[in-house]
Structures are given as structure tokens and as C-alpha cells.
Amino acid sequence: MKITLAIIGLMMVLGGASALAQATAQMSGTVRDESGAVLPGVTVTVTQTDTGLTRTTVTEGSGSYVIPNLPTGPYKLEVSLQGFKSYVQQIGRAH
């Protein structure tokens, strides 16, 4: 069975006007199967393709996930659950 990913939002929250402020992003979404049912316990991994920084979380009972405080930049999003085909998506500029 295939995992379908409904990305609720990829929000970029920019820091203040200070020269030291850094831009950060938050990635969140809901993972569903082909029938539209939510999937809890799914591993969601994001990798910043420029730096190799990796962050991982697991979806909640509602199938939702949030990965806060990400440095801005392009990412590879990987979603996997045993018994399902993995889902991979590039977010940001292509390499």
C-alpha cells in the first residue's frame, strides 16, 4: 500500500531585522494512506540537502507531525512505515 502525504504547511518564520538573526522554518503535515485514513507511528525524516542536517519524528495518533526550528534551505522529506511503500519528496530548490 502507498503512503500519501498531505503537507499542511511548510512555514518559514524569519527572524528580526538584526544582523545576527537567523531564518528558521517549521515543517508539519498529516500522513494518510491511499484511502485517506490517517497513519499514526509513521517515521518522518527531513534532511537539509546543503548541510546534511537530519531531523526525525514519528506521527501522532492523528497522523500529524511537526518538526520545528529548521534552518532554512532545501530539504529531502522521507516518510516510511513498515508494510507501506516509502514516500520521498524534495522541498526547495532542486540539485
Protein backbone atom coordinates (compact mmCIF):
# COMPACT_ATOMS: atom_id res chain seq x y z
CA MET A 1 0.00 0.00 0.00
CA LYS A 2 1.21 3.50 -0.76
CA ILE A 3 1.59 6.32 1.77
CA THR A 4 0.09 9.62 0.71
CA LEU A 5 1.41 12.75 2.36
CA ALA A 6 -0.75 15.77 2.92
CA ILE A 7 1.57 18.59 3.83
CA ILE A 8 -0.37 21.00 5.98
CA GLY A 9 2.30 23.61 5.74
CA LEU A 10 5.92 24.43 5.29
CA MET A 11 6.18 27.72 7.07
CA MET A 12 9.20 29.95 7.10
CA VAL A 13 9.40 32.27 10.04
CA LEU A 14 12.01 34.93 9.50
CA GLY A 15 13.97 36.36 12.39
CA GLY A 16 14.07 40.05 13.30
CA ALA A 17 15.99 42.72 11.45
CA SER A 18 19.12 42.08 13.49
CA ALA A 19 22.18 41.05 11.51
CA LEU A 20 22.57 38.11 13.91
CA ALA A 21 19.03 36.81 13.40
CA GLN A 22 18.73 33.56 11.51
CA ALA A 23 15.78 32.42 9.43
CA THR A 24 14.11 29.22 10.60
CA ALA A 25 11.35 27.06 9.24
CA GLN A 26 8.80 24.60 10.54
CA MET A 27 7.59 21.57 8.64
CA SER A 28 4.28 19.97 9.53
CA GLY A 29 1.77 17.71 7.89
CA THR A 30 -0.55 14.73 8.10
CA VAL A 31 0.30 11.31 6.70
CA ARG A 32 -2.55 9.32 5.13
CA ASP A 33 -2.86 6.09 3.18
CA GLU A 34 -4.41 5.84 -0.29
CA SER A 35 -7.91 5.60 1.19
CA GLY A 36 -7.42 8.83 3.14
CA ALA A 37 -7.10 7.18 6.57
CA VAL A 38 -4.54 8.81 8.86
CA LEU A 39 -1.42 6.81 9.74
CA PRO A 40 -0.02 7.04 13.27
CA GLY A 41 3.50 5.78 14.03
CA VAL A 42 5.00 6.83 10.69
CA THR A 43 8.66 7.87 10.71
CA VAL A 44 9.16 11.30 9.11
CA THR A 45 12.74 12.35 8.35
CA VAL A 46 13.86 15.65 6.87
CA THR A 47 17.41 16.17 5.63
CA GLN A 48 18.75 19.60 4.68
CA THR A 49 20.40 18.79 1.38
CA ASP A 50 23.02 21.58 1.62
CA THR A 51 24.36 20.58 5.06
CA GLY A 52 23.21 17.01 5.71
CA LEU A 53 21.38 18.09 8.90
CA THR A 54 18.77 15.41 9.66
CA ARG A 55 15.76 15.59 11.98
CA THR A 56 13.32 12.73 12.60
CA THR A 57 9.92 12.48 14.28
CA VAL A 58 7.03 10.00 14.43
CA THR A 59 3.43 10.85 13.57
CA GLU A 60 0.90 11.08 16.39
CA GLY A 61 -2.39 9.20 16.65
CA SER A 62 -3.97 11.74 14.31
CA GLY A 63 -1.27 11.08 11.68
CA SER A 64 0.16 14.56 12.21
CA TYR A 65 3.76 15.63 12.75
CA VAL A 66 5.64 18.87 13.43
CA ILE A 67 9.36 19.48 13.01
CA PRO A 68 10.14 22.97 14.36
CA ASN A 69 13.24 25.17 14.29
CA LEU A 70 14.69 24.01 10.98
CA PRO A 71 17.35 26.14 9.33
CA THR A 72 16.00 27.39 6.02
CA GLY A 73 17.16 25.73 2.86
CA PRO A 74 16.24 22.86 0.57
CA TYR A 75 15.18 19.59 2.20
CA LYS A 76 14.54 15.98 1.33
CA LEU A 77 11.43 14.64 3.10
CA GLU A 78 11.21 10.88 3.67
CA VAL A 79 8.15 9.15 5.14
CA SER A 80 8.18 5.44 5.98
CA LEU A 81 6.10 2.82 7.75
CA GLN A 82 6.63 -0.93 7.68
CA GLY A 83 4.27 -2.59 5.19
CA PHE A 84 3.91 0.59 3.12
CA LYS A 85 5.86 1.98 0.19
CA SER A 86 8.08 4.86 1.36
CA TYR A 87 7.43 8.40 0.16
CA VAL A 88 10.26 10.82 -0.75
CA GLN A 89 9.91 14.46 -1.81
CA GLN A 90 12.42 17.25 -2.49
CA ILE A 91 11.37 20.57 -0.94
CA GLY A 92 13.10 23.73 -2.07
CA ARG A 93 15.47 24.20 -4.96
CA ALA A 94 16.49 21.15 -6.98
CA HIS A 95 20.10 19.97 -7.18
